[in-house]
Amino acid sequence: MTLEELVACDNAAQKMQTVTAAVEELLVAAQRQDRLTVGVYESAKLMNVDPDSVVLCLLAIDEEEEDDIALQIHFTLIQSFCCDNDIDIMRVSGMQRLAQLLGEPTEVQGTTEARDLHCLLVTNPHSDAWKSHGLVEVASYCEESRGNNQWVPYISLQER
């Protein structure tokens, strides 16, 4: 491996860490400010009613759920809608970290039904020009990825 390749790999890893941290920051801020829609069906309803308010769509799935055909169909339809409406979109793995970030209760012998975290929408109402560093960083990464023909960039949230 050449020095240039090593530097490029190091830069890519650093960029992924920066984007992952930005996504985590953005999700926490969006939830705190009531700008986060959680769930495949809830997200579909919002996108049907007010797609212009959606600024980012996160599709979350772990490896063991990759074979869920119904979920993959939902993802395909949501991705298509997001592309048609110029909504930034990302694939995310690390459902446990996602639940931790959003303060989801841990399941205690099936007493609590967890929310569907497979689709998350970050919204920005028209009357408000909300800007967060995390949103700017993630939007920039999505645009850069599209420029590299990676239409749906992927990040992995690591447990802490």
N, C-alpha and C. Protein backbone atom coordinates (compact mmCIF):
# COMPACT_ATOMS: atom_id res chain seq x y z
N MET A 1 0.85 -1.17 0.00
CA MET A 1 0.00 0.00 0.00
C MET A 1 0.90 1.24 0.00
N THR A 2 0.57 2.19 -0.85
CA THR A 2 1.38 3.40 -0.96
C THR A 2 1.02 4.38 0.14
N LEU A 3 1.86 5.39 0.31
CA LEU A 3 1.61 6.42 1.31
C LEU A 3 0.30 7.15 1.00
N GLU A 4 0.06 7.42 -0.27
CA GLU A 4 -1.18 8.11 -0.66
C GLU A 4 -2.41 7.29 -0.29
N GLU A 5 -2.33 5.97 -0.50
CA GLU A 5 -3.46 5.10 -0.15
C GLU A 5 -3.66 5.06 1.35
N LEU A 6 -2.59 5.04 2.12
CA LEU A 6 -2.70 5.05 3.58
C LEU A 6 -3.34 6.34 4.08
N VAL A 7 -2.92 7.46 3.52
CA VAL A 7 -3.49 8.76 3.90
C VAL A 7 -4.96 8.82 3.52
N ALA A 8 -5.30 8.32 2.34
CA ALA A 8 -6.70 8.32 1.90
C ALA A 8 -7.56 7.46 2.83
N CYS A 9 -7.05 6.30 3.24
CA CYS A 9 -7.80 5.42 4.16
C CYS A 9 -7.99 6.10 5.50
N ASP A 10 -6.93 6.75 5.99
CA ASP A 10 -7.00 7.44 7.27
C ASP A 10 -8.00 8.59 7.21
N ASN A 11 -7.99 9.35 6.10
CA ASN A 11 -8.93 10.45 5.92
C ASN A 11 -10.37 9.94 5.85
N ALA A 12 -10.58 8.83 5.16
CA ALA A 12 -11.92 8.25 5.05
C ALA A 12 -12.43 7.80 6.42
N ALA A 13 -11.56 7.16 7.21
CA ALA A 13 -11.96 6.72 8.54
C ALA A 13 -12.28 7.91 9.44
N GLN A 14 -11.48 8.95 9.32
CA GLN A 14 -11.72 10.15 10.12
C GLN A 14 -13.04 10.81 9.70
N LYS A 15 -13.32 10.84 8.41
CA LYS A 15 -14.56 11.42 7.90
C LYS A 15 -15.77 10.63 8.43
N MET A 16 -15.66 9.30 8.44
CA MET A 16 -16.75 8.47 8.95
C MET A 16 -17.01 8.75 10.43
N GLN A 17 -15.96 8.91 11.21
CA GLN A 17 -16.13 9.22 12.63
C GLN A 17 -16.82 10.57 12.79
N THR A 18 -16.42 11.54 11.99
CA THR A 18 -17.01 12.88 12.06
C THR A 18 -18.50 12.82 11.70
N VAL A 19 -18.82 12.11 10.63
CA VAL A 19 -20.22 12.01 10.19
C VAL A 19 -21.05 11.24 11.20
N THR A 20 -20.49 10.16 11.74
CA THR A 20 -21.22 9.38 12.75
C THR A 20 -21.52 10.24 13.98
N ALA A 21 -20.54 10.99 14.43
CA ALA A 21 -20.75 11.89 15.58
C ALA A 21 -21.80 12.96 15.24
N ALA A 22 -21.77 13.46 14.00
CA ALA A 22 -22.75 14.47 13.58
C ALA A 22 -24.16 13.89 13.56
N VAL A 23 -24.30 12.65 13.08
CA VAL A 23 -25.62 12.00 13.06
C VAL A 23 -26.13 11.83 14.50
N GLU A 24 -25.27 11.38 15.39
CA GLU A 24 -25.68 11.20 16.78
C GLU A 24 -26.10 12.52 17.40
N GLU A 25 -25.32 13.56 17.18
CA GLU A 25 -25.64 14.90 17.70
C GLU A 25 -26.96 15.40 17.12
N LEU A 26 -27.14 15.19 15.83
CA LEU A 26 -28.35 15.64 15.15
C LEU A 26 -29.59 14.94 15.69
N LEU A 27 -29.51 13.63 15.88
CA LEU A 27 -30.67 12.88 16.38
C LEU A 27 -31.08 13.34 17.78
N VAL A 28 -30.11 13.54 18.63
CA VAL A 28 -30.40 13.98 20.00
C VAL A 28 -31.03 15.38 19.97
N ALA A 29 -30.44 16.29 19.19
CA ALA A 29 -30.97 17.65 19.09
C ALA A 29 -32.37 17.66 18.48
N ALA A 30 -32.57 16.87 17.42
CA ALA A 30 -33.87 16.84 16.75
C ALA A 30 -34.95 16.29 17.69
N GLN A 31 -34.62 15.26 18.45
CA GLN A 31 -35.61 14.72 19.38
C GLN A 31 -35.93 15.74 20.47
N ARG A 32 -34.92 16.40 20.98
CA ARG A 32 -35.12 17.39 22.04
C ARG A 32 -36.01 18.53 21.56
N GLN A 33 -35.91 18.88 20.28
CA GLN A 33 -36.67 20.00 19.72
C GLN A 33 -37.94 19.55 18.99
N ASP A 34 -38.31 18.30 19.18
CA ASP A 34 -39.52 17.73 18.58
C ASP A 34 -39.49 17.84 17.05
N ARG A 35 -38.34 17.52 16.46
CA ARG A 35 -38.17 17.54 15.01
C ARG A 35 -37.83 16.16 14.48
N LEU A 36 -38.20 15.14 15.24
CA LEU A 36 -37.86 13.77 14.87
C LEU A 36 -39.12 12.93 14.78
N THR A 37 -39.32 12.29 13.65
CA THR A 37 -40.42 11.35 13.47
C THR A 37 -39.82 9.96 13.44
N VAL A 38 -40.39 9.07 14.25
CA VAL A 38 -39.84 7.73 14.43
C VAL A 38 -40.85 6.69 13.95
N GLY A 39 -40.39 5.77 13.11
CA GLY A 39 -41.24 4.67 12.66
C GLY A 39 -41.51 4.72 11.17
N VAL A 40 -41.57 3.55 10.55
CA VAL A 40 -41.81 3.46 9.12
C VAL A 40 -43.16 4.06 8.75
N TYR A 41 -44.21 3.65 9.43
CA TYR A 41 -45.56 4.13 9.08
C TYR A 41 -45.74 5.60 9.42
N GLU A 42 -45.22 6.02 10.57
CA GLU A 42 -45.32 7.43 10.96
C GLU A 42 -44.58 8.31 9.96
N SER A 43 -43.42 7.82 9.51
CA SER A 43 -42.62 8.57 8.53
C SER A 43 -43.35 8.65 7.19
N ALA A 44 -43.93 7.55 6.76
CA ALA A 44 -44.66 7.55 5.50
C ALA A 44 -45.83 8.54 5.55
N LYS A 45 -46.53 8.58 6.69
CA LYS A 45 -47.65 9.52 6.83
C LYS A 45 -47.16 10.96 6.72
N LEU A 46 -46.07 11.28 7.41
CA LEU A 46 -45.55 12.65 7.38
C LEU A 46 -45.09 13.03 5.97
N MET A 47 -44.38 12.12 5.31
CA MET A 47 -43.90 12.43 3.96
C MET A 47 -45.04 12.61 2.98
N ASN A 48 -46.15 11.94 3.21
CA ASN A 48 -47.32 12.10 2.37
C ASN A 48 -47.97 13.46 2.58
N VAL A 49 -48.01 13.93 3.82
CA VAL A 49 -48.67 15.18 4.17
C VAL A 49 -47.78 16.40 3.89
N ASP A 50 -46.50 16.33 4.31
CA ASP A 50 -45.62 17.50 4.23
C ASP A 50 -44.18 17.10 3.90
N PRO A 51 -43.94 16.64 2.68
CA PRO A 51 -42.58 16.20 2.34
C PRO A 51 -41.54 17.32 2.37
N ASP A 52 -41.98 18.56 2.17
CA ASP A 52 -41.03 19.67 2.15
C ASP A 52 -40.42 19.98 3.50
N SER A 53 -41.04 19.49 4.58
CA SER A 53 -40.50 19.75 5.91
C SER A 53 -39.42 18.74 6.29
N VAL A 54 -39.26 17.67 5.52
CA VAL A 54 -38.29 16.63 5.85
C VAL A 54 -36.93 16.99 5.24
N VAL A 55 -35.90 17.01 6.10
CA VAL A 55 -34.56 17.35 5.63
C VAL A 55 -33.61 16.16 5.62
N LEU A 56 -33.96 15.10 6.35
CA LEU A 56 -33.09 13.92 6.38
C LEU A 56 -33.92 12.69 6.74
N CYS A 57 -33.62 11.60 6.06
CA CYS A 57 -34.25 10.32 6.35
C CYS A 57 -33.15 9.31 6.67
N LEU A 58 -33.27 8.66 7.82
CA LEU A 58 -32.34 7.61 8.21
C LEU A 58 -33.07 6.28 8.19
N LEU A 59 -32.53 5.33 7.45
CA LEU A 59 -33.08 3.99 7.42
C LEU A 59 -32.14 3.09 8.21
N ALA A 60 -32.63 2.57 9.32
CA ALA A 60 -31.78 1.81 10.23
C ALA A 60 -32.12 0.33 10.19
N ILE A 61 -31.07 -0.47 10.09
CA ILE A 61 -31.26 -1.92 10.07
C ILE A 61 -29.96 -2.58 10.49
N ASP A 62 -30.08 -3.66 11.22
CA ASP A 62 -28.91 -4.45 11.60
C ASP A 62 -28.81 -5.66 10.68
N GLU A 63 -27.66 -6.27 10.68
CA GLU A 63 -27.39 -7.38 9.76
C GLU A 63 -28.40 -8.50 9.88
N GLU A 64 -28.84 -8.81 11.09
CA GLU A 64 -29.76 -9.93 11.26
C GLU A 64 -31.16 -9.64 10.70
N GLU A 65 -31.45 -8.38 10.38
CA GLU A 65 -32.75 -8.02 9.82
C GLU A 65 -32.71 -7.83 8.30
N GLU A 66 -31.54 -7.98 7.71
CA GLU A 66 -31.37 -7.76 6.27
C GLU A 66 -32.28 -8.64 5.42
N ASP A 67 -32.68 -9.81 5.94
CA ASP A 67 -33.51 -10.74 5.18
C ASP A 67 -35.01 -10.46 5.31
N ASP A 68 -35.39 -9.43 6.04
CA ASP A 68 -36.80 -9.08 6.22
C ASP A 68 -37.30 -8.41 4.94
N ILE A 69 -38.00 -9.18 4.11
CA ILE A 69 -38.44 -8.70 2.80
C ILE A 69 -39.41 -7.52 2.92
N ALA A 70 -40.32 -7.58 3.87
CA ALA A 70 -41.28 -6.49 4.04
C ALA A 70 -40.56 -5.18 4.37
N LEU A 71 -39.57 -5.26 5.25
CA LEU A 71 -38.81 -4.08 5.62
C LEU A 71 -38.02 -3.55 4.41
N GLN A 72 -37.45 -4.44 3.63
CA GLN A 72 -36.70 -4.02 2.44
C GLN A 72 -37.61 -3.33 1.41
N ILE A 73 -38.84 -3.81 1.30
CA ILE A 73 -39.80 -3.18 0.39
C ILE A 73 -40.13 -1.77 0.89
N HIS A 74 -40.38 -1.64 2.19
CA HIS A 74 -40.63 -0.32 2.77
C HIS A 74 -39.46 0.61 2.49
N PHE A 75 -38.24 0.11 2.71
CA PHE A 75 -37.04 0.92 2.49
C PHE A 75 -36.93 1.37 1.04
N THR A 76 -37.21 0.47 0.12
CA THR A 76 -37.12 0.80 -1.30
C THR A 76 -38.10 1.91 -1.65
N LEU A 77 -39.32 1.80 -1.15
CA LEU A 77 -40.33 2.82 -1.43
C LEU A 77 -39.96 4.16 -0.79
N ILE A 78 -39.47 4.12 0.43
CA ILE A 78 -39.07 5.35 1.12
C ILE A 78 -37.88 6.00 0.41
N GLN A 79 -36.89 5.18 0.02
CA GLN A 79 -35.73 5.71 -0.71
C GLN A 79 -36.17 6.39 -2.00
N SER A 80 -37.07 5.76 -2.73
CA SER A 80 -37.56 6.33 -3.97
C SER A 80 -38.24 7.67 -3.73
N PHE A 81 -39.09 7.72 -2.72
CA PHE A 81 -39.79 8.95 -2.39
C PHE A 81 -38.80 10.04 -2.01
N CYS A 82 -37.79 9.69 -1.21
CA CYS A 82 -36.79 10.68 -0.79
C CYS A 82 -36.01 11.21 -1.99
N CYS A 83 -35.64 10.33 -2.90
CA CYS A 83 -34.91 10.77 -4.10
C CYS A 83 -35.78 11.69 -4.95
N ASP A 84 -37.05 11.36 -5.11
CA ASP A 84 -37.96 12.18 -5.90
C ASP A 84 -38.21 13.55 -5.28
N ASN A 85 -38.06 13.66 -3.96
CA ASN A 85 -38.35 14.90 -3.25
C ASN A 85 -37.10 15.60 -2.71
N ASP A 86 -35.94 15.20 -3.19
CA ASP A 86 -34.67 15.82 -2.79
C ASP A 86 -34.45 15.82 -1.28
N ILE A 87 -34.76 14.70 -0.66
CA ILE A 87 -34.54 14.52 0.78
C ILE A 87 -33.26 13.70 0.95
N ASP A 88 -32.34 14.21 1.75
CA ASP A 88 -31.11 13.45 2.03
C ASP A 88 -31.49 12.16 2.76
N ILE A 89 -30.78 11.10 2.41
CA ILE A 89 -31.11 9.79 2.97
C ILE A 89 -29.82 9.05 3.30
N MET A 90 -29.85 8.30 4.40
CA MET A 90 -28.70 7.49 4.83
C MET A 90 -29.18 6.16 5.37
N ARG A 91 -28.35 5.14 5.18
CA ARG A 91 -28.57 3.83 5.82
C ARG A 91 -27.70 3.80 7.07
N VAL A 92 -28.24 3.23 8.13
CA VAL A 92 -27.54 3.21 9.41
C VAL A 92 -27.65 1.81 10.00
N SER A 93 -26.56 1.32 10.56
CA SER A 93 -26.62 0.10 11.37
C SER A 93 -26.27 0.47 12.79
N GLY A 94 -26.61 -0.40 13.71
CA GLY A 94 -26.35 -0.12 15.13
C GLY A 94 -27.63 0.25 15.86
N MET A 95 -28.62 -0.62 15.76
CA MET A 95 -29.93 -0.34 16.36
C MET A 95 -29.85 -0.13 17.87
N GLN A 96 -28.98 -0.86 18.55
CA GLN A 96 -28.87 -0.69 20.00
C GLN A 96 -28.37 0.71 20.34
N ARG A 97 -27.37 1.19 19.60
CA ARG A 97 -26.85 2.54 19.85
C ARG A 97 -27.93 3.57 19.52
N LEU A 98 -28.68 3.34 18.48
CA LEU A 98 -29.76 4.23 18.10
C LEU A 98 -30.80 4.32 19.23
N ALA A 99 -31.19 3.17 19.77
CA ALA A 99 -32.14 3.14 20.88
C ALA A 99 -31.57 3.87 22.09
N GLN A 100 -30.30 3.69 22.34
CA GLN A 100 -29.63 4.35 23.46
C GLN A 100 -29.64 5.87 23.27
N LEU A 101 -29.34 6.33 22.07
CA LEU A 101 -29.33 7.77 21.78
C LEU A 101 -30.71 8.40 21.99
N LEU A 102 -31.74 7.66 21.61
CA LEU A 102 -33.10 8.19 21.69
C LEU A 102 -33.77 7.92 23.03
N GLY A 103 -33.02 7.32 23.95
CA GLY A 103 -33.55 7.09 25.29
C GLY A 103 -34.65 6.05 25.34
N GLU A 104 -34.57 5.08 24.44
CA GLU A 104 -35.57 4.02 24.43
C GLU A 104 -35.40 3.13 25.66
N PRO A 105 -36.51 2.73 26.26
CA PRO A 105 -36.40 1.83 27.42
C PRO A 105 -35.88 0.47 26.99
N THR A 106 -35.08 -0.13 27.84
CA THR A 106 -34.62 -1.48 27.54
C THR A 106 -35.76 -2.45 27.81
N GLU A 107 -35.84 -3.47 26.98
CA GLU A 107 -36.92 -4.44 27.14
C GLU A 107 -36.70 -5.26 28.40
N VAL A 108 -37.72 -5.27 29.24
CA VAL A 108 -37.66 -6.06 30.46
C VAL A 108 -38.72 -7.15 30.36
N GLN A 109 -38.30 -8.30 29.93
CA GLN A 109 -39.17 -9.47 29.78
C GLN A 109 -40.44 -9.14 29.01
N GLY A 110 -40.28 -8.38 27.93
CA GLY A 110 -41.41 -8.11 27.04
C GLY A 110 -42.46 -7.17 27.60
N THR A 111 -42.19 -6.45 28.69
CA THR A 111 -43.20 -5.57 29.26
C THR A 111 -43.35 -4.27 28.48
N THR A 112 -42.29 -3.85 27.80
CA THR A 112 -42.34 -2.61 27.05
C THR A 112 -42.14 -2.90 25.57
N GLU A 113 -43.07 -2.42 24.76
CA GLU A 113 -42.90 -2.60 23.32
C GLU A 113 -42.10 -1.42 22.80
N ALA A 114 -40.97 -1.71 22.19
CA ALA A 114 -40.09 -0.67 21.69
C ALA A 114 -40.67 -0.02 20.44
N ARG A 115 -40.34 1.25 20.24
CA ARG A 115 -40.77 1.95 19.03
C ARG A 115 -40.02 1.37 17.84
N ASP A 116 -40.62 1.51 16.68
CA ASP A 116 -40.00 1.09 15.43
C ASP A 116 -38.94 2.13 15.05
N LEU A 117 -37.68 1.78 15.19
CA LEU A 117 -36.59 2.71 14.90
C LEU A 117 -36.01 2.51 13.50
N HIS A 118 -36.71 1.79 12.65
CA HIS A 118 -36.17 1.49 11.32
C HIS A 118 -36.16 2.69 10.39
N CYS A 119 -37.01 3.66 10.63
CA CYS A 119 -37.04 4.85 9.80
C CYS A 119 -37.17 6.07 10.70
N LEU A 120 -36.26 7.02 10.53
CA LEU A 120 -36.27 8.25 11.31
C LEU A 120 -36.23 9.43 10.35
N LEU A 121 -37.11 10.39 10.56
CA LEU A 121 -37.11 11.60 9.74
C LEU A 121 -36.77 12.79 10.62
N VAL A 122 -35.86 13.60 10.14
CA VAL A 122 -35.55 14.87 10.79
C VAL A 122 -36.28 15.93 9.99
N THR A 123 -37.08 16.75 10.67
CA THR A 123 -37.88 17.76 9.98
C THR A 123 -37.39 19.15 10.32
N ASN A 124 -37.72 20.06 9.44
CA ASN A 124 -37.39 21.47 9.61
C ASN A 124 -38.59 22.26 9.11
N PRO A 125 -39.47 22.66 10.02
CA PRO A 125 -40.67 23.38 9.60
C PRO A 125 -40.34 24.61 8.76
N HIS A 126 -41.21 24.91 7.83
CA HIS A 126 -40.99 26.02 6.89
C HIS A 126 -40.83 27.35 7.61
N SER A 127 -41.49 27.53 8.73
CA SER A 127 -41.46 28.81 9.43
C SER A 127 -40.17 29.02 10.21
N ASP A 128 -39.32 28.01 10.24
CA ASP A 128 -38.14 28.06 11.08
C ASP A 128 -36.91 27.65 10.27
N ALA A 129 -35.88 28.41 10.36
CA ALA A 129 -34.64 28.08 9.65
C ALA A 129 -33.66 27.43 10.62
N TRP A 130 -34.05 26.29 11.19
CA TRP A 130 -33.21 25.59 12.16
C TRP A 130 -31.98 25.06 11.46
N LYS A 131 -30.85 25.40 12.00
CA LYS A 131 -29.59 24.86 11.48
C LYS A 131 -28.81 24.31 12.66
N SER A 132 -28.30 23.15 12.46
CA SER A 132 -27.42 22.58 13.47
C SER A 132 -26.14 22.16 12.77
N HIS A 133 -25.07 22.15 13.49
CA HIS A 133 -23.79 21.73 12.91
C HIS A 133 -23.92 20.30 12.38
N GLY A 134 -24.60 19.45 13.15
CA GLY A 134 -24.78 18.06 12.74
C GLY A 134 -25.52 17.95 11.42
N LEU A 135 -26.57 18.74 11.25
CA LEU A 135 -27.36 18.71 10.02
C LEU A 135 -26.52 19.16 8.82
N VAL A 136 -25.74 20.21 9.00
CA VAL A 136 -24.89 20.71 7.93
C VAL A 136 -23.85 19.65 7.54
N GLU A 137 -23.24 19.02 8.54
CA GLU A 137 -22.22 18.00 8.30
C GLU A 137 -22.82 16.79 7.56
N VAL A 138 -23.98 16.34 8.00
CA VAL A 138 -24.62 15.17 7.39
C VAL A 138 -25.08 15.49 5.96
N ALA A 139 -25.66 16.65 5.77
CA ALA A 139 -26.10 17.05 4.42
C ALA A 139 -24.90 17.13 3.47
N SER A 140 -23.79 17.66 3.96
CA SER A 140 -22.58 17.74 3.15
C SER A 140 -22.07 16.35 2.78
N TYR A 141 -22.10 15.43 3.73
CA TYR A 141 -21.66 14.06 3.47
C TYR A 141 -22.58 13.37 2.44
N CYS A 142 -23.88 13.58 2.58
CA CYS A 142 -24.82 12.99 1.62
C CYS A 142 -24.57 13.53 0.21
N GLU A 143 -24.34 14.83 0.10
CA GLU A 143 -24.07 15.44 -1.20
C GLU A 143 -22.77 14.91 -1.80
N GLU A 144 -21.75 14.81 -0.96
CA GLU A 144 -20.46 14.27 -1.40
C GLU A 144 -20.61 12.82 -1.88
N SER A 145 -21.40 12.04 -1.15
CA SER A 145 -21.62 10.64 -1.53
C SER A 145 -22.35 10.53 -2.86
N ARG A 146 -23.36 11.37 -3.05
CA ARG A 146 -24.07 11.37 -4.34
C ARG A 146 -23.12 11.71 -5.48
N GLY A 147 -22.19 12.63 -5.22
CA GLY A 147 -21.19 12.98 -6.23
C GLY A 147 -20.29 11.81 -6.59
N ASN A 148 -20.17 10.85 -5.66
CA ASN A 148 -19.38 9.64 -5.90
C ASN A 148 -20.25 8.46 -6.31
N ASN A 149 -21.48 8.75 -6.75
CA ASN A 149 -22.45 7.73 -7.19
C ASN A 149 -22.83 6.75 -6.09
N GLN A 150 -22.76 7.19 -4.85
CA GLN A 150 -23.28 6.39 -3.74
C GLN A 150 -24.54 7.12 -3.27
N TRP A 151 -25.66 6.71 -3.81
CA TRP A 151 -26.91 7.46 -3.62
C TRP A 151 -27.44 7.37 -2.20
N VAL A 152 -27.17 6.26 -1.53
CA VAL A 152 -27.62 6.11 -0.15
C VAL A 152 -26.40 5.74 0.69
N PRO A 153 -25.74 6.73 1.25
CA PRO A 153 -24.54 6.44 2.05
C PRO A 153 -24.88 5.63 3.29
N TYR A 154 -23.87 4.95 3.81
CA TYR A 154 -24.05 4.04 4.94
C TYR A 154 -23.09 4.43 6.06
N ILE A 155 -23.60 4.43 7.30
CA ILE A 155 -22.74 4.59 8.47
C ILE A 155 -23.13 3.54 9.50
N SER A 156 -22.20 3.28 10.39
CA SER A 156 -22.44 2.32 11.46
C SER A 156 -22.28 3.02 12.80
N LEU A 157 -23.34 2.99 13.60
CA LEU A 157 -23.27 3.56 14.95
C LEU A 157 -22.69 2.51 15.88
N GLN A 158 -21.66 2.88 16.60
CA GLN A 158 -20.96 1.94 17.49
C GLN A 158 -21.50 2.05 18.91
N GLU A 159 -21.70 0.92 19.54
CA GLU A 159 -22.16 0.92 20.94
C GLU A 159 -21.08 1.51 21.83
N ARG A 160 -21.54 2.14 22.90
CA ARG A 160 -20.59 2.72 23.87
C ARG A 160 -20.89 2.22 25.23
